[in-house]
Amino acid sequence: MVNIDRDLLDKYPYPWHNVRSFRNFILHEYHAIEIWIVWETAKNDLPKLKQIIETILDSEF
């Protein structure tokens, strides 16, 4: 996994702790995953995350 500099992420308003927490949950608590939560996250949260990542890439790189 790639670590992104915290100072870079702090420049863009997004709940980055949610991304980190979700990743850790999937990795460590895979036995407790409920597919509907994964689906709702993909449907509701990924479009905004994609947009902010594209903004970061356009602005920073």
PDB file of N, CA and C in Angstrom:
ATOM      1  N   MET A   1       0.845  -1.173   0.000  1.00  0.00           N
ATOM      2  CA  MET A   1       0.000   0.000   0.000  1.00  0.00           C
ATOM      3  C   MET A   1       0.889   1.234   0.000  1.00  0.00           C
ATOM      4  N   VAL A   2       0.452   2.212  -0.705  1.00  0.00           N
ATOM      5  CA  VAL A   2       1.187   3.465  -0.808  1.00  0.00           C
ATOM      6  C   VAL A   2       0.756   4.389   0.320  1.00  0.00           C
ATOM      7  N   ASN A   3       1.728   4.961   0.989  1.00  0.00           N
ATOM      8  CA  ASN A   3       1.432   5.967   2.003  1.00  0.00           C
ATOM      9  C   ASN A   3       1.529   7.345   1.368  1.00  0.00           C
ATOM     10  N   ILE A   4       0.519   8.137   1.586  1.00  0.00           N
ATOM     11  CA  ILE A   4       0.487   9.489   1.042  1.00  0.00           C
ATOM     12  C   ILE A   4       0.778  10.452   2.184  1.00  0.00           C
ATOM     13  N   ASP A   5       1.610  11.409   1.899  1.00  0.00           N
ATOM     14  CA  ASP A   5       2.026  12.381   2.899  1.00  0.00           C
ATOM     15  C   ASP A   5       0.811  13.067   3.531  1.00  0.00           C
ATOM     16  N   ARG A   6       0.798  13.086   4.836  1.00  0.00           N
ATOM     17  CA  ARG A   6      -0.322  13.667   5.584  1.00  0.00           C
ATOM     18  C   ARG A   6      -0.515  15.146   5.255  1.00  0.00           C
ATOM     19  N   ASP A   7       0.576  15.870   5.065  1.00  0.00           N
ATOM     20  CA  ASP A   7       0.477  17.296   4.724  1.00  0.00           C
ATOM     21  C   ASP A   7      -0.258  17.503   3.403  1.00  0.00           C
ATOM     22  N   LEU A   8      -0.038  16.602   2.475  1.00  0.00           N
ATOM     23  CA  LEU A   8      -0.736  16.678   1.192  1.00  0.00           C
ATOM     24  C   LEU A   8      -2.232  16.450   1.388  1.00  0.00           C
ATOM     25  N   LEU A   9      -2.583  15.420   2.124  1.00  0.00           N
ATOM     26  CA  LEU A   9      -4.001  15.117   2.349  1.00  0.00           C
ATOM     27  C   LEU A   9      -4.703  16.221   3.124  1.00  0.00           C
ATOM     28  N   ASP A  10      -3.992  16.837   4.048  1.00  0.00           N
ATOM     29  CA  ASP A  10      -4.601  17.901   4.856  1.00  0.00           C
ATOM     30  C   ASP A  10      -5.004  19.113   4.028  1.00  0.00           C
ATOM     31  N   LYS A  11      -4.427  19.262   2.856  1.00  0.00           N
ATOM     32  CA  LYS A  11      -4.768  20.383   1.988  1.00  0.00           C
ATOM     33  C   LYS A  11      -6.130  20.196   1.312  1.00  0.00           C
ATOM     34  N   TYR A  12      -6.665  18.996   1.364  1.00  0.00           N
ATOM     35  CA  TYR A  12      -7.918  18.676   0.671  1.00  0.00           C
ATOM     36  C   TYR A  12      -8.946  18.166   1.671  1.00  0.00           C
ATOM     37  N   PRO A  13     -10.069  18.864   1.795  1.00  0.00           N
ATOM     38  CA  PRO A  13     -11.068  18.481   2.796  1.00  0.00           C
ATOM     39  C   PRO A  13     -11.780  17.178   2.410  1.00  0.00           C
ATOM     40  N   TYR A  14     -11.490  16.176   3.150  1.00  0.00           N
ATOM     41  CA  TYR A  14     -12.138  14.876   2.969  1.00  0.00           C
ATOM     42  C   TYR A  14     -11.910  14.085   4.252  1.00  0.00           C
ATOM     43  N   PRO A  15     -12.856  13.259   4.655  1.00  0.00           N
ATOM     44  CA  PRO A  15     -12.666  12.468   5.884  1.00  0.00           C
ATOM     45  C   PRO A  15     -11.718  11.280   5.637  1.00  0.00           C
ATOM     46  N   TRP A  16     -10.431  11.583   5.526  1.00  0.00           N
ATOM     47  CA  TRP A  16      -9.430  10.555   5.203  1.00  0.00           C
ATOM     48  C   TRP A  16      -9.399   9.437   6.234  1.00  0.00           C
ATOM     49  N   HIS A  17      -9.739   9.743   7.469  1.00  0.00           N
ATOM     50  CA  HIS A  17      -9.748   8.706   8.509  1.00  0.00           C
ATOM     51  C   HIS A  17     -10.772   7.609   8.184  1.00  0.00           C
ATOM     52  N   ASN A  18     -11.856   7.976   7.489  1.00  0.00           N
ATOM     53  CA  ASN A  18     -12.850   6.971   7.100  1.00  0.00           C
ATOM     54  C   ASN A  18     -12.277   5.983   6.082  1.00  0.00           C
ATOM     55  N   VAL A  19     -11.492   6.492   5.157  1.00  0.00           N
ATOM     56  CA  VAL A  19     -10.870   5.630   4.151  1.00  0.00           C
ATOM     57  C   VAL A  19      -9.917   4.654   4.840  1.00  0.00           C
ATOM     58  N   ARG A  20      -9.095   5.183   5.723  1.00  0.00           N
ATOM     59  CA  ARG A  20      -8.133   4.363   6.459  1.00  0.00           C
ATOM     60  C   ARG A  20      -8.851   3.321   7.327  1.00  0.00           C
ATOM     61  N   SER A  21      -9.888   3.745   8.007  1.00  0.00           N
ATOM     62  CA  SER A  21     -10.637   2.828   8.883  1.00  0.00           C
ATOM     63  C   SER A  21     -11.315   1.723   8.086  1.00  0.00           C
ATOM     64  N   PHE A  22     -11.895   2.079   6.947  1.00  0.00           N
ATOM     65  CA  PHE A  22     -12.563   1.076   6.118  1.00  0.00           C
ATOM     66  C   PHE A  22     -11.559   0.055   5.598  1.00  0.00           C
ATOM     67  N   ARG A  23     -10.412   0.545   5.146  1.00  0.00           N
ATOM     68  CA  ARG A  23      -9.350  -0.354   4.666  1.00  0.00           C
ATOM     69  C   ARG A  23      -8.924  -1.302   5.784  1.00  0.00           C
ATOM     70  N   ASN A  24      -8.715  -0.772   6.982  1.00  0.00           N
ATOM     71  CA  ASN A  24      -8.290  -1.612   8.096  1.00  0.00           C
ATOM     72  C   ASN A  24      -9.361  -2.629   8.470  1.00  0.00           C
ATOM     73  N   PHE A  25     -10.612  -2.215   8.420  1.00  0.00           N
ATOM     74  CA  PHE A  25     -11.700  -3.137   8.720  1.00  0.00           C
ATOM     75  C   PHE A  25     -11.728  -4.289   7.716  1.00  0.00           C
ATOM     76  N   ILE A  26     -11.647  -3.957   6.433  1.00  0.00           N
ATOM     77  CA  ILE A  26     -11.661  -4.987   5.388  1.00  0.00           C
ATOM     78  C   ILE A  26     -10.483  -5.946   5.565  1.00  0.00           C
ATOM     79  N   LEU A  27      -9.335  -5.401   5.898  1.00  0.00           N
ATOM     80  CA  LEU A  27      -8.131  -6.212   6.034  1.00  0.00           C
ATOM     81  C   LEU A  27      -8.163  -7.106   7.268  1.00  0.00           C
ATOM     82  N   HIS A  28      -8.597  -6.551   8.403  1.00  0.00           N
ATOM     83  CA  HIS A  28      -8.477  -7.271   9.668  1.00  0.00           C
ATOM     84  C   HIS A  28      -9.765  -7.929  10.151  1.00  0.00           C
ATOM     85  N   GLU A  29     -10.876  -7.449   9.694  1.00  0.00           N
ATOM     86  CA  GLU A  29     -12.161  -7.977  10.166  1.00  0.00           C
ATOM     87  C   GLU A  29     -12.962  -8.582   9.015  1.00  0.00           C
ATOM     88  N   TYR A  30     -12.265  -9.160   8.071  1.00  0.00           N
ATOM     89  CA  TYR A  30     -12.919  -9.668   6.858  1.00  0.00           C
ATOM     90  C   TYR A  30     -14.037 -10.662   7.165  1.00  0.00           C
ATOM     91  N   HIS A  31     -13.949 -11.359   8.283  1.00  0.00           N
ATOM     92  CA  HIS A  31     -14.980 -12.330   8.652  1.00  0.00           C
ATOM     93  C   HIS A  31     -16.301 -11.658   9.045  1.00  0.00           C
ATOM     94  N   ALA A  32     -16.242 -10.349   9.340  1.00  0.00           N
ATOM     95  CA  ALA A  32     -17.442  -9.634   9.775  1.00  0.00           C
ATOM     96  C   ALA A  32     -18.010  -8.714   8.694  1.00  0.00           C
ATOM     97  N   ILE A  33     -17.478  -8.796   7.502  1.00  0.00           N
ATOM     98  CA  ILE A  33     -17.919  -7.918   6.420  1.00  0.00           C
ATOM     99  C   ILE A  33     -19.354  -8.250   6.022  1.00  0.00           C
ATOM    100  N   GLU A  34     -20.138  -7.196   5.896  1.00  0.00           N
ATOM    101  CA  GLU A  34     -21.493  -7.336   5.374  1.00  0.00           C
ATOM    102  C   GLU A  34     -21.497  -6.700   3.997  1.00  0.00           C
ATOM    103  N   ILE A  35     -21.876  -7.486   2.997  1.00  0.00           N
ATOM    104  CA  ILE A  35     -21.757  -7.047   1.612  1.00  0.00           C
ATOM    105  C   ILE A  35     -22.563  -5.788   1.331  1.00  0.00           C
ATOM    106  N   TRP A  36     -23.661  -5.587   2.009  1.00  0.00           N
ATOM    107  CA  TRP A  36     -24.465  -4.387   1.771  1.00  0.00           C
ATOM    108  C   TRP A  36     -23.723  -3.125   2.183  1.00  0.00           C
ATOM    109  N   ILE A  37     -22.861  -3.222   3.218  1.00  0.00           N
ATOM    110  CA  ILE A  37     -22.064  -2.067   3.633  1.00  0.00           C
ATOM    111  C   ILE A  37     -21.023  -1.741   2.568  1.00  0.00           C
ATOM    112  N   VAL A  38     -20.394  -2.775   2.026  1.00  0.00           N
ATOM    113  CA  VAL A  38     -19.417  -2.569   0.950  1.00  0.00           C
ATOM    114  C   VAL A  38     -20.117  -1.939  -0.249  1.00  0.00           C
ATOM    115  N   TRP A  39     -21.292  -2.449  -0.594  1.00  0.00           N
ATOM    116  CA  TRP A  39     -22.035  -1.914  -1.741  1.00  0.00           C
ATOM    117  C   TRP A  39     -22.425  -0.452  -1.515  1.00  0.00           C
ATOM    118  N   GLU A  40     -22.960  -0.136  -0.352  1.00  0.00           N
ATOM    119  CA  GLU A  40     -23.361   1.239  -0.053  1.00  0.00           C
ATOM    120  C   GLU A  40     -22.150   2.178  -0.077  1.00  0.00           C
ATOM    121  N   THR A  41     -21.036   1.714   0.425  1.00  0.00           N
ATOM    122  CA  THR A  41     -19.810   2.521   0.403  1.00  0.00           C
ATOM    123  C   THR A  41     -19.372   2.770  -1.033  1.00  0.00           C
ATOM    124  N   ALA A  42     -19.378   1.726  -1.840  1.00  0.00           N
ATOM    125  CA  ALA A  42     -18.979   1.869  -3.244  1.00  0.00           C
ATOM    126  C   ALA A  42     -19.916   2.814  -3.984  1.00  0.00           C
ATOM    127  N   LYS A  43     -21.184   2.678  -3.733  1.00  0.00           N
ATOM    128  CA  LYS A  43     -22.186   3.470  -4.440  1.00  0.00           C
ATOM    129  C   LYS A  43     -22.204   4.930  -3.980  1.00  0.00           C
ATOM    130  N   ASN A  44     -22.060   5.157  -2.686  1.00  0.00           N
ATOM    131  CA  ASN A  44     -22.250   6.494  -2.132  1.00  0.00           C
ATOM    132  C   ASN A  44     -20.960   7.272  -1.891  1.00  0.00           C
ATOM    133  N   ASP A  45     -19.890   6.574  -1.560  1.00  0.00           N
ATOM    134  CA  ASP A  45     -18.672   7.268  -1.147  1.00  0.00           C
ATOM    135  C   ASP A  45     -17.581   7.291  -2.210  1.00  0.00           C
ATOM    136  N   LEU A  46     -17.504   6.285  -3.036  1.00  0.00           N
ATOM    137  CA  LEU A  46     -16.433   6.232  -4.029  1.00  0.00           C
ATOM    138  C   LEU A  46     -16.489   7.352  -5.065  1.00  0.00           C
ATOM    139  N   PRO A  47     -17.643   7.777  -5.533  1.00  0.00           N
ATOM    140  CA  PRO A  47     -17.636   8.887  -6.508  1.00  0.00           C
ATOM    141  C   PRO A  47     -16.979  10.164  -5.956  1.00  0.00           C
ATOM    142  N   LYS A  48     -17.270  10.509  -4.715  1.00  0.00           N
ATOM    143  CA  LYS A  48     -16.654  11.693  -4.104  1.00  0.00           C
ATOM    144  C   LYS A  48     -15.154  11.472  -3.897  1.00  0.00           C
ATOM    145  N   LEU A  49     -14.769  10.285  -3.459  1.00  0.00           N
ATOM    146  CA  LEU A  49     -13.347   9.973  -3.271  1.00  0.00           C
ATOM    147  C   LEU A  49     -12.612  10.035  -4.601  1.00  0.00           C
ATOM    148  N   LYS A  50     -13.217   9.505  -5.637  1.00  0.00           N
ATOM    149  CA  LYS A  50     -12.603   9.566  -6.966  1.00  0.00           C
ATOM    150  C   LYS A  50     -12.404  11.018  -7.392  1.00  0.00           C
ATOM    151  N   GLN A  51     -13.395  11.835  -7.152  1.00  0.00           N
ATOM    152  CA  GLN A  51     -13.315  13.246  -7.530  1.00  0.00           C
ATOM    153  C   GLN A  51     -12.179  13.944  -6.787  1.00  0.00           C
ATOM    154  N   ILE A  52     -12.057  13.708  -5.501  1.00  0.00           N
ATOM    155  CA  ILE A  52     -11.007  14.378  -4.735  1.00  0.00           C
ATOM    156  C   ILE A  52      -9.622  13.863  -5.131  1.00  0.00           C
ATOM    157  N   ILE A  53      -9.513  12.583  -5.447  1.00  0.00           N
ATOM    158  CA  ILE A  53      -8.233  12.033  -5.899  1.00  0.00           C
ATOM    159  C   ILE A  53      -7.847  12.629  -7.245  1.00  0.00           C
ATOM    160  N   GLU A  54      -8.807  12.767  -8.144  1.00  0.00           N
ATOM    161  CA  GLU A  54      -8.519  13.392  -9.427  1.00  0.00           C
ATOM    162  C   GLU A  54      -8.084  14.848  -9.250  1.00  0.00           C
ATOM    163  N   THR A  55      -8.707  15.544  -8.319  1.00  0.00           N
ATOM    164  CA  THR A  55      -8.326  16.924  -8.023  1.00  0.00           C
ATOM    165  C   THR A  55      -6.887  16.980  -7.503  1.00  0.00           C
ATOM    166  N   ILE A  56      -6.552  16.077  -6.598  1.00  0.00           N
ATOM    167  CA  ILE A  56      -5.188  16.031  -6.054  1.00  0.00           C
ATOM    168  C   ILE A  56      -4.190  15.744  -7.169  1.00  0.00           C
ATOM    169  N   LEU A  57      -4.487  14.775  -8.000  1.00  0.00           N
ATOM    170  CA  LEU A  57      -3.556  14.435  -9.083  1.00  0.00           C
ATOM    171  C   LEU A  57      -3.370  15.597 -10.051  1.00  0.00           C
ATOM    172  N   ASP A  58      -4.456  16.281 -10.383  1.00  0.00           N
ATOM    173  CA  ASP A  58      -4.365  17.420 -11.298  1.00  0.00           C
ATOM    174  C   ASP A  58      -3.596  18.576 -10.666  1.00  0.00           C
ATOM    175  N   SER A  59      -3.783  18.790  -9.385  1.00  0.00           N
ATOM    176  CA  SER A  59      -3.185  19.941  -8.711  1.00  0.00           C
ATOM    177  C   SER A  59      -1.738  19.713  -8.285  1.00  0.00           C
ATOM    178  N   GLU A  60      -1.420  18.509  -7.929  1.00  0.00           N
ATOM    179  CA  GLU A  60      -0.128  18.237  -7.297  1.00  0.00           C
ATOM    180  C   GLU A  60       0.883  17.583  -8.220  1.00  0.00           C
ATOM    181  N   PHE A  61       0.417  16.904  -9.239  1.00  0.00           N
ATOM    182  CA  PHE A  61       1.368  16.136 -10.042  1.00  0.00           C
ATOM    183  C   PHE A  61       1.269  16.548 -11.482  1.00  0.00           C
TER     184      PHE A  61
END
